[in-house]
């Protein structure tokens, strides 16, 4: 049986105990299996490392998979601020981050991410890196908040921007699809950003704030 490209790439890498623990915890708690793809998780760690980020905002913690990938790339003394709507998800993410030895690198803000982002702006906070992986209808709003909260040269990454084929299907026009299309078009054309979009897995948008 021929492997798909993503399966072949993933087969090159051994199992990661910390991330396998997250996957098992998500399944055991009946949570959706929607963590960032393994290959993009590795890319997140690399992007954070390459950018030299010391402050990260993650929108959507789920079970802590992306949080671990992001925190692994932080510079010494760096901090991940993770925004999560559901208290139970934030608590499971915290457990997994602590099990991975990264608990001291993360702070959680539980509640509506739009309100949390507004609080961060009101407090005058600035960040070096943003990872957006939450409700798709909120993507355009999250992008504007990220640009407002960004230090010059900050990196913004958005996951699932193909919506498993719905984004590119003209017959699909639901609120989430329209929001993600608008997000993608903004990423590609906004003069405040330098960007690219990767079509592998379920798509990943990467932008640098000028």
N, C-alpha and C. Protein backbone atom coordinates (compact mmCIF):
# COMPACT_ATOMS: atom_id res chain seq x y z
N UNK A 1 0.85 -1.20 0.00
CA UNK A 1 0.00 0.00 0.00
C UNK A 1 0.88 1.24 0.00
N UNK A 2 0.63 2.15 -0.93
CA UNK A 2 1.45 3.35 -1.03
C UNK A 2 1.09 4.35 0.07
N UNK A 3 2.12 4.89 0.72
CA UNK A 3 1.89 5.89 1.75
C UNK A 3 1.62 7.25 1.11
N UNK A 4 0.73 8.02 1.72
CA UNK A 4 0.56 9.40 1.31
C UNK A 4 1.81 10.18 1.73
N UNK A 5 2.02 11.35 1.10
CA UNK A 5 3.23 12.13 1.37
C UNK A 5 3.38 12.41 2.85
N UNK A 6 2.28 12.87 3.51
CA UNK A 6 2.36 13.21 4.93
C UNK A 6 2.68 11.98 5.78
N UNK A 7 2.08 10.82 5.42
CA UNK A 7 2.35 9.59 6.16
C UNK A 7 3.81 9.19 6.03
N UNK A 8 4.35 9.32 4.82
CA UNK A 8 5.76 8.99 4.61
C UNK A 8 6.65 9.87 5.47
N UNK A 9 6.40 11.18 5.45
CA UNK A 9 7.22 12.11 6.22
C UNK A 9 7.14 11.78 7.71
N UNK A 10 5.92 11.55 8.21
CA UNK A 10 5.76 11.25 9.63
C UNK A 10 6.46 9.95 10.01
N UNK A 11 6.53 9.00 9.07
CA UNK A 11 7.16 7.71 9.35
C UNK A 11 8.66 7.83 9.56
N UNK A 12 9.25 8.94 9.15
CA UNK A 12 10.68 9.14 9.32
C UNK A 12 11.06 9.45 10.76
N UNK A 13 10.07 9.84 11.56
CA UNK A 13 10.33 10.30 12.92
C UNK A 13 9.79 9.29 13.93
N UNK A 14 10.55 9.07 14.98
CA UNK A 14 10.11 8.17 16.04
C UNK A 14 9.02 8.80 16.89
N UNK A 15 8.41 7.96 17.71
CA UNK A 15 7.35 8.45 18.61
C UNK A 15 7.93 9.41 19.63
N UNK A 16 7.16 10.43 19.96
CA UNK A 16 7.54 11.44 20.96
C UNK A 16 6.69 11.18 22.20
N UNK A 17 7.33 10.77 23.28
CA UNK A 17 6.60 10.34 24.48
C UNK A 17 5.67 11.42 25.02
N UNK A 18 6.13 12.66 25.05
CA UNK A 18 5.31 13.74 25.59
C UNK A 18 4.06 13.97 24.73
N UNK A 19 4.25 13.92 23.43
CA UNK A 19 3.13 14.17 22.53
C UNK A 19 2.19 12.98 22.45
N UNK A 20 2.73 11.77 22.56
CA UNK A 20 1.88 10.59 22.60
C UNK A 20 1.02 10.60 23.87
N UNK A 21 1.57 11.11 24.96
CA UNK A 21 0.80 11.24 26.20
C UNK A 21 -0.38 12.19 26.00
N UNK A 22 -0.13 13.27 25.27
CA UNK A 22 -1.21 14.22 24.98
C UNK A 22 -2.31 13.54 24.16
N UNK A 23 -1.92 12.84 23.11
CA UNK A 23 -2.91 12.17 22.27
C UNK A 23 -3.75 11.19 23.07
N UNK A 24 -3.09 10.43 23.95
CA UNK A 24 -3.81 9.47 24.77
C UNK A 24 -4.75 10.17 25.74
N UNK A 25 -4.30 11.28 26.31
CA UNK A 25 -5.13 12.03 27.26
C UNK A 25 -6.34 12.63 26.58
N UNK A 26 -6.17 13.13 25.36
CA UNK A 26 -7.29 13.69 24.60
C UNK A 26 -8.33 12.61 24.33
N UNK A 27 -7.86 11.43 23.91
CA UNK A 27 -8.79 10.33 23.62
C UNK A 27 -9.50 9.86 24.88
N UNK A 28 -8.75 9.74 25.97
CA UNK A 28 -9.33 9.24 27.22
C UNK A 28 -10.39 10.18 27.77
N UNK A 29 -10.28 11.45 27.47
CA UNK A 29 -11.24 12.44 27.97
C UNK A 29 -12.34 12.77 26.97
N UNK A 30 -12.40 12.02 25.89
CA UNK A 30 -13.47 12.20 24.92
C UNK A 30 -13.40 13.52 24.17
N UNK A 31 -12.20 14.10 24.06
CA UNK A 31 -12.03 15.37 23.37
C UNK A 31 -11.80 15.13 21.88
N UNK A 32 -12.10 16.09 21.04
CA UNK A 32 -11.90 15.90 19.59
C UNK A 32 -10.42 15.76 19.23
N UNK A 33 -10.14 14.89 18.27
CA UNK A 33 -8.78 14.63 17.83
C UNK A 33 -8.40 15.66 16.76
N UNK A 34 -8.16 16.90 17.21
CA UNK A 34 -7.92 18.00 16.27
C UNK A 34 -6.65 18.77 16.59
N UNK A 35 -5.70 18.12 17.26
CA UNK A 35 -4.42 18.78 17.51
C UNK A 35 -3.71 19.06 16.19
N UNK A 36 -2.76 19.98 16.22
CA UNK A 36 -1.98 20.28 15.03
C UNK A 36 -1.29 19.00 14.55
N UNK A 37 -1.16 18.85 13.23
CA UNK A 37 -0.52 17.67 12.65
C UNK A 37 0.91 17.53 13.15
N UNK A 38 1.37 16.29 13.23
CA UNK A 38 2.72 16.04 13.76
C UNK A 38 3.78 16.86 13.04
N UNK A 39 3.71 16.86 11.69
CA UNK A 39 4.71 17.59 10.93
C UNK A 39 4.68 19.07 11.19
N UNK A 40 3.50 19.63 11.35
CA UNK A 40 3.40 21.05 11.65
C UNK A 40 3.76 21.34 13.10
N UNK A 41 3.58 20.36 13.99
CA UNK A 41 4.06 20.54 15.35
C UNK A 41 5.58 20.70 15.38
N UNK A 42 6.25 19.87 14.62
CA UNK A 42 7.71 20.01 14.52
C UNK A 42 8.09 21.36 13.92
N UNK A 43 7.32 21.79 12.92
CA UNK A 43 7.58 23.08 12.29
C UNK A 43 7.38 24.22 13.28
N UNK A 44 6.36 24.14 14.13
CA UNK A 44 6.13 25.18 15.13
C UNK A 44 7.36 25.35 16.03
N UNK A 45 7.89 24.23 16.51
CA UNK A 45 9.08 24.31 17.36
C UNK A 45 10.23 24.98 16.62
N UNK A 46 10.41 24.62 15.36
CA UNK A 46 11.48 25.21 14.57
C UNK A 46 11.26 26.70 14.35
N UNK A 47 10.03 27.09 14.03
CA UNK A 47 9.74 28.51 13.77
C UNK A 47 9.95 29.35 15.02
N UNK A 48 9.52 28.84 16.16
CA UNK A 48 9.74 29.58 17.41
C UNK A 48 11.23 29.72 17.68
N UNK A 49 11.97 28.63 17.48
CA UNK A 49 13.41 28.67 17.70
C UNK A 49 14.09 29.65 16.74
N UNK A 50 13.74 29.57 15.47
CA UNK A 50 14.35 30.44 14.46
C UNK A 50 14.03 31.91 14.70
N UNK A 51 12.82 32.17 15.19
CA UNK A 51 12.41 33.57 15.41
C UNK A 51 13.01 34.16 16.68
N UNK A 52 13.54 33.29 17.55
CA UNK A 52 14.08 33.79 18.81
C UNK A 52 13.01 34.29 19.76
N UNK A 53 11.79 33.80 19.61
CA UNK A 53 10.66 34.30 20.39
C UNK A 53 10.84 34.06 21.89
N UNK A 54 10.47 35.07 22.67
CA UNK A 54 10.44 34.95 24.13
C UNK A 54 9.03 35.07 24.68
N UNK A 55 8.06 35.43 23.82
CA UNK A 55 6.68 35.58 24.27
C UNK A 55 5.74 35.10 23.17
N UNK A 56 4.86 34.16 23.52
CA UNK A 56 3.98 33.53 22.54
C UNK A 56 2.55 33.61 23.03
N UNK A 57 1.62 33.84 22.11
CA UNK A 57 0.19 33.69 22.37
C UNK A 57 -0.30 32.49 21.55
N UNK A 58 -0.94 31.57 22.25
CA UNK A 58 -1.58 30.43 21.61
C UNK A 58 -3.09 30.58 21.78
N UNK A 59 -3.82 30.56 20.68
CA UNK A 59 -5.28 30.67 20.74
C UNK A 59 -5.86 29.29 20.47
N UNK A 60 -6.26 28.61 21.54
CA UNK A 60 -6.77 27.26 21.47
C UNK A 60 -5.77 26.27 22.04
N UNK A 61 -5.96 25.88 23.31
CA UNK A 61 -5.00 24.99 23.97
C UNK A 61 -5.30 23.52 23.71
N UNK A 62 -6.60 23.18 23.61
CA UNK A 62 -7.05 21.79 23.52
C UNK A 62 -6.37 20.98 24.64
N UNK A 63 -5.57 19.96 24.28
CA UNK A 63 -4.94 19.13 25.31
C UNK A 63 -3.48 19.40 25.55
N UNK A 64 -2.94 20.44 24.90
CA UNK A 64 -1.56 20.81 25.16
C UNK A 64 -0.55 20.39 24.11
N UNK A 65 -1.01 19.76 23.02
CA UNK A 65 -0.06 19.30 22.00
C UNK A 65 0.71 20.47 21.40
N UNK A 66 -0.01 21.45 20.87
CA UNK A 66 0.67 22.59 20.26
C UNK A 66 1.43 23.40 21.30
N UNK A 67 0.90 23.45 22.52
CA UNK A 67 1.59 24.17 23.59
C UNK A 67 2.97 23.61 23.85
N UNK A 68 3.08 22.29 23.88
CA UNK A 68 4.38 21.65 24.07
C UNK A 68 5.31 22.00 22.91
N UNK A 69 4.79 21.90 21.68
CA UNK A 69 5.62 22.20 20.50
C UNK A 69 6.12 23.65 20.53
N UNK A 70 5.24 24.57 20.92
CA UNK A 70 5.62 25.98 20.97
C UNK A 70 6.62 26.24 22.09
N UNK A 71 6.33 25.74 23.28
CA UNK A 71 7.18 26.00 24.44
C UNK A 71 8.58 25.43 24.27
N UNK A 72 8.69 24.33 23.56
CA UNK A 72 10.01 23.73 23.34
C UNK A 72 10.96 24.68 22.60
N UNK A 73 10.41 25.58 21.79
CA UNK A 73 11.27 26.48 21.03
C UNK A 73 11.57 27.79 21.71
N UNK A 74 10.92 28.06 22.86
CA UNK A 74 11.11 29.35 23.54
C UNK A 74 12.54 29.55 24.01
N UNK A 75 12.97 30.79 23.95
CA UNK A 75 14.26 31.14 24.52
C UNK A 75 14.19 31.03 26.04
N UNK A 76 15.33 30.91 26.68
CA UNK A 76 15.41 30.80 28.13
C UNK A 76 14.65 31.97 28.78
N UNK A 77 13.77 31.64 29.72
CA UNK A 77 12.99 32.66 30.40
C UNK A 77 11.75 33.08 29.65
N UNK A 78 11.49 32.47 28.49
CA UNK A 78 10.33 32.83 27.69
C UNK A 78 9.04 32.29 28.28
N UNK A 79 7.90 32.83 27.79
CA UNK A 79 6.60 32.47 28.34
C UNK A 79 5.58 32.27 27.22
N UNK A 80 4.77 31.22 27.36
CA UNK A 80 3.65 30.95 26.49
C UNK A 80 2.37 31.35 27.21
N UNK A 81 1.58 32.23 26.59
CA UNK A 81 0.26 32.60 27.11
C UNK A 81 -0.77 31.86 26.28
N UNK A 82 -1.45 30.91 26.90
CA UNK A 82 -2.38 30.03 26.19
C UNK A 82 -3.82 30.43 26.50
N UNK A 83 -4.59 30.71 25.47
CA UNK A 83 -5.98 31.12 25.61
C UNK A 83 -6.88 29.93 25.28
N UNK A 84 -7.76 29.58 26.21
CA UNK A 84 -8.63 28.42 26.01
C UNK A 84 -10.01 28.72 26.57
N UNK A 85 -11.03 28.43 25.78
CA UNK A 85 -12.41 28.70 26.17
C UNK A 85 -12.87 27.82 27.33
N UNK A 86 -12.53 26.53 27.27
CA UNK A 86 -13.08 25.56 28.22
C UNK A 86 -12.12 25.27 29.37
N UNK A 87 -12.54 25.43 30.62
CA UNK A 87 -11.67 25.16 31.77
C UNK A 87 -11.12 23.73 31.78
N UNK A 88 -11.93 22.75 31.40
CA UNK A 88 -11.47 21.36 31.43
C UNK A 88 -10.34 21.13 30.43
N UNK A 89 -10.42 21.78 29.27
CA UNK A 89 -9.36 21.65 28.28
C UNK A 89 -8.07 22.31 28.79
N UNK A 90 -8.20 23.50 29.36
CA UNK A 90 -7.03 24.20 29.88
C UNK A 90 -6.35 23.39 30.98
N UNK A 91 -7.16 22.74 31.83
CA UNK A 91 -6.59 21.95 32.92
C UNK A 91 -5.85 20.73 32.38
N UNK A 92 -6.42 20.05 31.38
CA UNK A 92 -5.72 18.90 30.80
C UNK A 92 -4.44 19.35 30.10
N UNK A 93 -4.50 20.47 29.41
CA UNK A 93 -3.29 21.00 28.78
C UNK A 93 -2.21 21.28 29.83
N UNK A 94 -2.63 21.85 30.95
CA UNK A 94 -1.68 22.15 32.03
C UNK A 94 -1.02 20.86 32.55
N UNK A 95 -1.83 19.83 32.73
CA UNK A 95 -1.30 18.54 33.20
C UNK A 95 -0.25 18.01 32.23
N UNK A 96 -0.56 18.07 30.95
CA UNK A 96 0.38 17.55 29.95
C UNK A 96 1.63 18.42 29.83
N UNK A 97 1.48 19.72 29.96
CA UNK A 97 2.65 20.61 29.92
C UNK A 97 3.56 20.32 31.10
N UNK A 98 2.98 20.12 32.27
CA UNK A 98 3.79 19.82 33.46
C UNK A 98 4.48 18.47 33.32
N UNK A 99 3.79 17.49 32.76
CA UNK A 99 4.39 16.16 32.57
C UNK A 99 5.56 16.23 31.59
N UNK A 100 5.51 17.19 30.67
CA UNK A 100 6.59 17.37 29.71
C UNK A 100 7.72 18.24 30.25
N UNK A 101 7.58 18.69 31.50
CA UNK A 101 8.61 19.53 32.11
C UNK A 101 8.58 20.97 31.65
N UNK A 102 7.41 21.40 31.16
CA UNK A 102 7.30 22.75 30.61
C UNK A 102 6.28 23.61 31.35
N UNK A 103 5.83 23.13 32.48
CA UNK A 103 4.77 23.81 33.21
C UNK A 103 5.09 25.25 33.58
N UNK A 104 6.36 25.53 33.88
CA UNK A 104 6.73 26.88 34.30
C UNK A 104 6.78 27.87 33.13
N UNK A 105 6.67 27.34 31.91
CA UNK A 105 6.76 28.20 30.73
C UNK A 105 5.40 28.70 30.24
N UNK A 106 4.30 28.25 30.87
CA UNK A 106 2.97 28.57 30.33
C UNK A 106 2.07 29.20 31.38
N UNK A 107 1.25 30.15 30.93
CA UNK A 107 0.18 30.72 31.73
C UNK A 107 -1.10 30.60 30.92
N UNK A 108 -2.22 30.31 31.60
CA UNK A 108 -3.48 30.10 30.91
C UNK A 108 -4.45 31.23 31.19
N UNK A 109 -5.17 31.63 30.16
CA UNK A 109 -6.28 32.56 30.29
C UNK A 109 -7.52 31.83 29.79
N UNK A 110 -8.46 31.54 30.69
CA UNK A 110 -9.64 30.75 30.35
C UNK A 110 -10.82 31.67 30.08
N UNK A 111 -11.52 31.41 28.98
CA UNK A 111 -12.67 32.21 28.59
C UNK A 111 -12.63 32.53 27.11
N UNK A 112 -13.50 33.41 26.68
CA UNK A 112 -13.56 33.82 25.28
C UNK A 112 -12.23 34.47 24.87
N UNK A 113 -11.60 33.91 23.85
CA UNK A 113 -10.28 34.40 23.43
C UNK A 113 -10.32 35.85 22.99
N UNK A 114 -11.43 36.27 22.41
CA UNK A 114 -11.52 37.67 21.97
C UNK A 114 -11.42 38.61 23.16
N UNK A 115 -12.06 38.25 24.26
CA UNK A 115 -11.98 39.06 25.47
C UNK A 115 -10.58 39.00 26.07
N UNK A 116 -9.98 37.81 26.07
CA UNK A 116 -8.62 37.68 26.60
C UNK A 116 -7.63 38.50 25.79
N UNK A 117 -7.78 38.49 24.47
CA UNK A 117 -6.89 39.28 23.62
C UNK A 117 -7.07 40.77 23.87
N UNK A 118 -8.30 41.18 24.07
CA UNK A 118 -8.56 42.59 24.39
C UNK A 118 -7.92 42.97 25.72
N UNK A 119 -7.96 42.06 26.69
CA UNK A 119 -7.31 42.30 27.98
C UNK A 119 -5.80 42.45 27.81
N UNK A 120 -5.22 41.61 26.99
CA UNK A 120 -3.77 41.69 26.75
C UNK A 120 -3.41 43.02 26.10
N UNK A 121 -4.25 43.46 25.16
CA UNK A 121 -4.01 44.76 24.53
C UNK A 121 -4.14 45.89 25.55
N UNK A 122 -5.17 45.80 26.37
CA UNK A 122 -5.39 46.83 27.38
C UNK A 122 -4.25 46.92 28.37
N UNK A 123 -3.58 45.79 28.60
CA UNK A 123 -2.45 45.76 29.53
C UNK A 123 -1.15 46.18 28.87
N UNK A 124 -1.20 46.48 27.57
CA UNK A 124 0.00 46.92 26.87
C UNK A 124 0.99 45.81 26.58
N UNK A 125 0.52 44.56 26.58
CA UNK A 125 1.42 43.42 26.32
C UNK A 125 1.80 43.37 24.84
N UNK A 126 2.98 42.86 24.55
CA UNK A 126 3.44 42.64 23.19
C UNK A 126 4.05 41.24 23.10
N UNK A 127 3.95 40.63 21.91
CA UNK A 127 4.37 39.24 21.76
C UNK A 127 5.17 39.05 20.47
N UNK A 128 5.96 37.96 20.48
CA UNK A 128 6.85 37.66 19.36
C UNK A 128 6.29 36.59 18.42
N UNK A 129 5.28 35.86 18.88
CA UNK A 129 4.81 34.71 18.10
C UNK A 129 3.36 34.43 18.46
N UNK A 130 2.55 34.06 17.45
CA UNK A 130 1.14 33.76 17.66
C UNK A 130 0.79 32.48 16.92
N UNK A 131 0.04 31.61 17.59
CA UNK A 131 -0.46 30.40 16.94
C UNK A 131 -1.97 30.37 17.10
N UNK A 132 -2.67 30.38 15.97
CA UNK A 132 -4.14 30.42 15.95
C UNK A 132 -4.67 29.06 15.53
N UNK A 133 -5.40 28.41 16.43
CA UNK A 133 -5.96 27.09 16.15
C UNK A 133 -7.21 26.91 17.01
N UNK A 134 -8.23 27.70 16.72
CA UNK A 134 -9.45 27.71 17.53
C UNK A 134 -10.65 27.76 16.60
N UNK A 135 -11.77 28.32 17.08
CA UNK A 135 -12.98 28.42 16.25
C UNK A 135 -12.69 29.20 14.98
N UNK A 136 -13.07 28.62 13.87
CA UNK A 136 -12.67 29.17 12.58
C UNK A 136 -13.36 30.50 12.27
N UNK A 137 -14.58 30.69 12.76
CA UNK A 137 -15.26 31.96 12.52
C UNK A 137 -14.52 33.13 13.14
N UNK A 138 -13.72 32.86 14.16
CA UNK A 138 -12.98 33.92 14.82
C UNK A 138 -11.64 34.25 14.20
N UNK A 139 -11.21 33.50 13.18
CA UNK A 139 -9.87 33.69 12.62
C UNK A 139 -9.57 35.13 12.18
N UNK A 140 -10.47 35.79 11.44
CA UNK A 140 -10.16 37.17 11.03
C UNK A 140 -9.98 38.12 12.23
N UNK A 141 -10.80 37.92 13.26
CA UNK A 141 -10.69 38.75 14.46
C UNK A 141 -9.39 38.46 15.19
N UNK A 142 -9.05 37.18 15.30
CA UNK A 142 -7.81 36.81 15.98
C UNK A 142 -6.60 37.38 15.24
N UNK A 143 -6.66 37.38 13.92
CA UNK A 143 -5.54 37.92 13.14
C UNK A 143 -5.34 39.40 13.43
N UNK A 144 -6.42 40.17 13.48
CA UNK A 144 -6.29 41.60 13.76
C UNK A 144 -5.74 41.84 15.16
N UNK A 145 -6.21 41.06 16.12
CA UNK A 145 -5.66 41.18 17.48
C UNK A 145 -4.17 40.85 17.49
N UNK A 146 -3.79 39.79 16.77
CA UNK A 146 -2.38 39.40 16.75
C UNK A 146 -1.51 40.50 16.18
N UNK A 147 -1.95 41.12 15.09
CA UNK A 147 -1.17 42.21 14.49
C UNK A 147 -1.04 43.37 15.47
N UNK A 148 -2.12 43.66 16.19
CA UNK A 148 -2.08 44.76 17.16
C UNK A 148 -1.16 44.46 18.33
N UNK A 149 -1.05 43.18 18.69
CA UNK A 149 -0.24 42.77 19.85
C UNK A 149 1.20 42.43 19.46
N UNK A 150 1.52 42.50 18.18
CA UNK A 150 2.81 42.00 17.69
C UNK A 150 3.95 42.99 17.88
N UNK A 151 5.07 42.46 18.30
CA UNK A 151 6.33 43.19 18.16
C UNK A 151 6.72 43.18 16.68
N UNK A 152 7.49 44.17 16.22
CA UNK A 152 7.96 44.12 14.83
C UNK A 152 8.70 42.81 14.56
N UNK A 153 8.36 42.18 13.45
CA UNK A 153 8.99 40.91 13.10
C UNK A 153 8.34 39.70 13.72
N UNK A 154 7.26 39.89 14.45
CA UNK A 154 6.56 38.76 15.07
C UNK A 154 6.02 37.82 14.00
N UNK A 155 5.89 36.55 14.37
CA UNK A 155 5.39 35.51 13.46
C UNK A 155 3.96 35.16 13.87
N UNK A 156 3.08 35.04 12.87
CA UNK A 156 1.70 34.62 13.09
C UNK A 156 1.46 33.35 12.27
N UNK A 157 0.98 32.30 12.92
CA UNK A 157 0.71 31.02 12.25
C UNK A 157 -0.75 30.64 12.48
N UNK A 158 -1.44 30.24 11.42
CA UNK A 158 -2.82 29.79 11.52
C UNK A 158 -2.96 28.38 10.96
N UNK A 159 -3.61 27.49 11.72
CA UNK A 159 -3.74 26.08 11.32
C UNK A 159 -5.11 25.82 10.69
N UNK A 160 -5.19 24.71 9.95
CA UNK A 160 -6.45 24.23 9.36
C UNK A 160 -7.08 25.21 8.39
N UNK A 161 -6.27 25.87 7.59
CA UNK A 161 -6.82 26.91 6.73
C UNK A 161 -7.41 26.34 5.42
N UNK A 162 -7.37 25.01 5.27
CA UNK A 162 -8.03 24.38 4.13
C UNK A 162 -9.34 23.72 4.53
N UNK A 163 -9.57 23.56 5.83
CA UNK A 163 -10.82 22.99 6.35
C UNK A 163 -11.18 21.68 5.65
N UNK A 164 -10.19 20.82 5.50
CA UNK A 164 -10.39 19.49 4.89
C UNK A 164 -11.11 19.58 3.54
N UNK A 165 -10.69 20.54 2.75
CA UNK A 165 -11.20 20.69 1.39
C UNK A 165 -12.36 21.65 1.24
N UNK A 166 -12.96 22.07 2.34
CA UNK A 166 -14.12 22.97 2.22
C UNK A 166 -13.72 24.36 1.74
N UNK A 167 -12.53 24.82 2.13
CA UNK A 167 -12.10 26.16 1.73
C UNK A 167 -12.01 26.29 0.21
N UNK A 168 -11.57 25.24 -0.45
CA UNK A 168 -11.37 25.30 -1.90
C UNK A 168 -12.58 24.81 -2.69
N UNK A 169 -13.66 24.44 -1.99
CA UNK A 169 -14.86 23.93 -2.65
C UNK A 169 -15.85 25.08 -2.85
N UNK A 170 -16.10 25.50 -4.11
CA UNK A 170 -17.00 26.64 -4.34
C UNK A 170 -18.41 26.40 -3.82
N UNK A 171 -18.80 25.14 -3.65
CA UNK A 171 -20.15 24.84 -3.18
C UNK A 171 -20.31 25.07 -1.68
N UNK A 172 -19.20 25.26 -0.98
CA UNK A 172 -19.24 25.47 0.46
C UNK A 172 -19.18 26.97 0.76
N UNK A 173 -20.11 27.45 1.58
CA UNK A 173 -20.14 28.88 1.87
C UNK A 173 -20.67 29.17 3.27
N UNK A 174 -20.45 28.23 4.20
CA UNK A 174 -20.88 28.44 5.57
C UNK A 174 -20.04 29.51 6.25
N UNK A 175 -20.45 29.94 7.44
CA UNK A 175 -19.73 31.01 8.16
C UNK A 175 -18.25 30.70 8.39
N UNK A 176 -17.95 29.47 8.79
CA UNK A 176 -16.55 29.11 9.05
C UNK A 176 -15.72 29.18 7.77
N UNK A 177 -16.29 28.66 6.68
CA UNK A 177 -15.58 28.66 5.40
C UNK A 177 -15.33 30.09 4.93
N UNK A 178 -16.35 30.93 5.03
CA UNK A 178 -16.18 32.32 4.60
C UNK A 178 -15.15 33.05 5.46
N UNK A 179 -15.15 32.77 6.76
CA UNK A 179 -14.19 33.42 7.66
C UNK A 179 -12.77 33.00 7.34
N UNK A 180 -12.57 31.71 7.10
CA UNK A 180 -11.22 31.22 6.80
C UNK A 180 -10.75 31.72 5.43
N UNK A 181 -11.65 31.78 4.47
CA UNK A 181 -11.25 32.35 3.17
C UNK A 181 -10.81 33.79 3.33
N UNK A 182 -11.56 34.56 4.11
CA UNK A 182 -11.19 35.95 4.34
C UNK A 182 -9.85 36.03 5.06
N UNK A 183 -9.64 35.16 6.06
CA UNK A 183 -8.36 35.10 6.77
C UNK A 183 -7.22 34.82 5.79
N UNK A 184 -7.40 33.81 4.95
CA UNK A 184 -6.36 33.45 3.99
C UNK A 184 -6.06 34.59 3.02
N UNK A 185 -7.11 35.24 2.53
CA UNK A 185 -6.93 36.35 1.60
C UNK A 185 -6.21 37.51 2.27
N UNK A 186 -6.53 37.75 3.53
CA UNK A 186 -5.85 38.82 4.27
C UNK A 186 -4.39 38.48 4.49
N UNK A 187 -4.12 37.24 4.89
CA UNK A 187 -2.73 36.80 5.07
C UNK A 187 -1.93 37.03 3.79
N UNK A 188 -2.56 36.73 2.65
CA UNK A 188 -1.85 36.80 1.37
C UNK A 188 -1.65 38.22 0.85
N UNK A 189 -2.57 39.13 1.20
CA UNK A 189 -2.57 40.44 0.54
C UNK A 189 -2.30 41.63 1.45
N UNK A 190 -2.39 41.45 2.76
CA UNK A 190 -2.26 42.59 3.67
C UNK A 190 -0.83 43.14 3.63
N UNK A 191 -0.70 44.43 3.41
CA UNK A 191 0.62 45.04 3.28
C UNK A 191 1.39 45.06 4.59
N UNK A 192 0.72 44.78 5.69
CA UNK A 192 1.40 44.73 6.99
C UNK A 192 2.14 43.43 7.20
N UNK A 193 1.93 42.47 6.29
CA UNK A 193 2.44 41.12 6.49
C UNK A 193 3.29 40.65 5.32
N UNK A 194 4.24 39.79 5.64
CA UNK A 194 4.97 38.99 4.64
C UNK A 194 4.57 37.55 4.92
N UNK A 195 4.13 36.80 3.90
CA UNK A 195 3.50 35.53 4.24
C UNK A 195 3.68 34.46 3.18
N UNK A 196 3.29 33.23 3.59
CA UNK A 196 3.12 32.12 2.67
C UNK A 196 2.08 31.19 3.27
N UNK A 197 1.55 30.31 2.44
CA UNK A 197 0.59 29.31 2.88
C UNK A 197 1.09 27.94 2.43
N UNK A 198 1.14 26.99 3.35
CA UNK A 198 1.58 25.63 3.05
C UNK A 198 0.35 24.73 2.91
N UNK A 199 0.23 23.98 1.81
CA UNK A 199 -0.97 23.19 1.57
C UNK A 199 -0.97 21.79 2.17
N UNK A 200 0.12 21.35 2.78
CA UNK A 200 0.18 20.01 3.35
C UNK A 200 -0.76 19.83 4.53
N UNK A 201 -0.98 18.56 4.91
CA UNK A 201 -1.90 18.22 6.00
C UNK A 201 -3.22 18.97 5.75
N UNK A 202 -3.65 19.85 6.66
CA UNK A 202 -4.88 20.62 6.43
C UNK A 202 -4.59 22.09 6.22
N UNK A 203 -3.37 22.40 5.80
CA UNK A 203 -3.01 23.76 5.47
C UNK A 203 -2.52 24.56 6.66
N UNK A 204 -1.50 25.38 6.43
CA UNK A 204 -0.91 26.21 7.47
C UNK A 204 -0.52 27.56 6.86
N UNK A 205 -0.99 28.64 7.45
CA UNK A 205 -0.60 29.99 7.03
C UNK A 205 0.49 30.51 7.95
N UNK A 206 1.50 31.12 7.37
CA UNK A 206 2.62 31.68 8.15
C UNK A 206 2.86 33.10 7.68
N UNK A 207 2.89 34.04 8.61
CA UNK A 207 3.11 35.44 8.26
C UNK A 207 4.09 36.07 9.23
N UNK A 208 4.82 37.06 8.75
CA UNK A 208 5.69 37.89 9.58
C UNK A 208 5.12 39.31 9.57
N UNK A 209 4.99 39.90 10.73
CA UNK A 209 4.50 41.26 10.83
C UNK A 209 5.64 42.22 10.53
N UNK A 210 5.46 43.08 9.55
CA UNK A 210 6.54 43.98 9.13
C UNK A 210 6.80 45.05 10.18
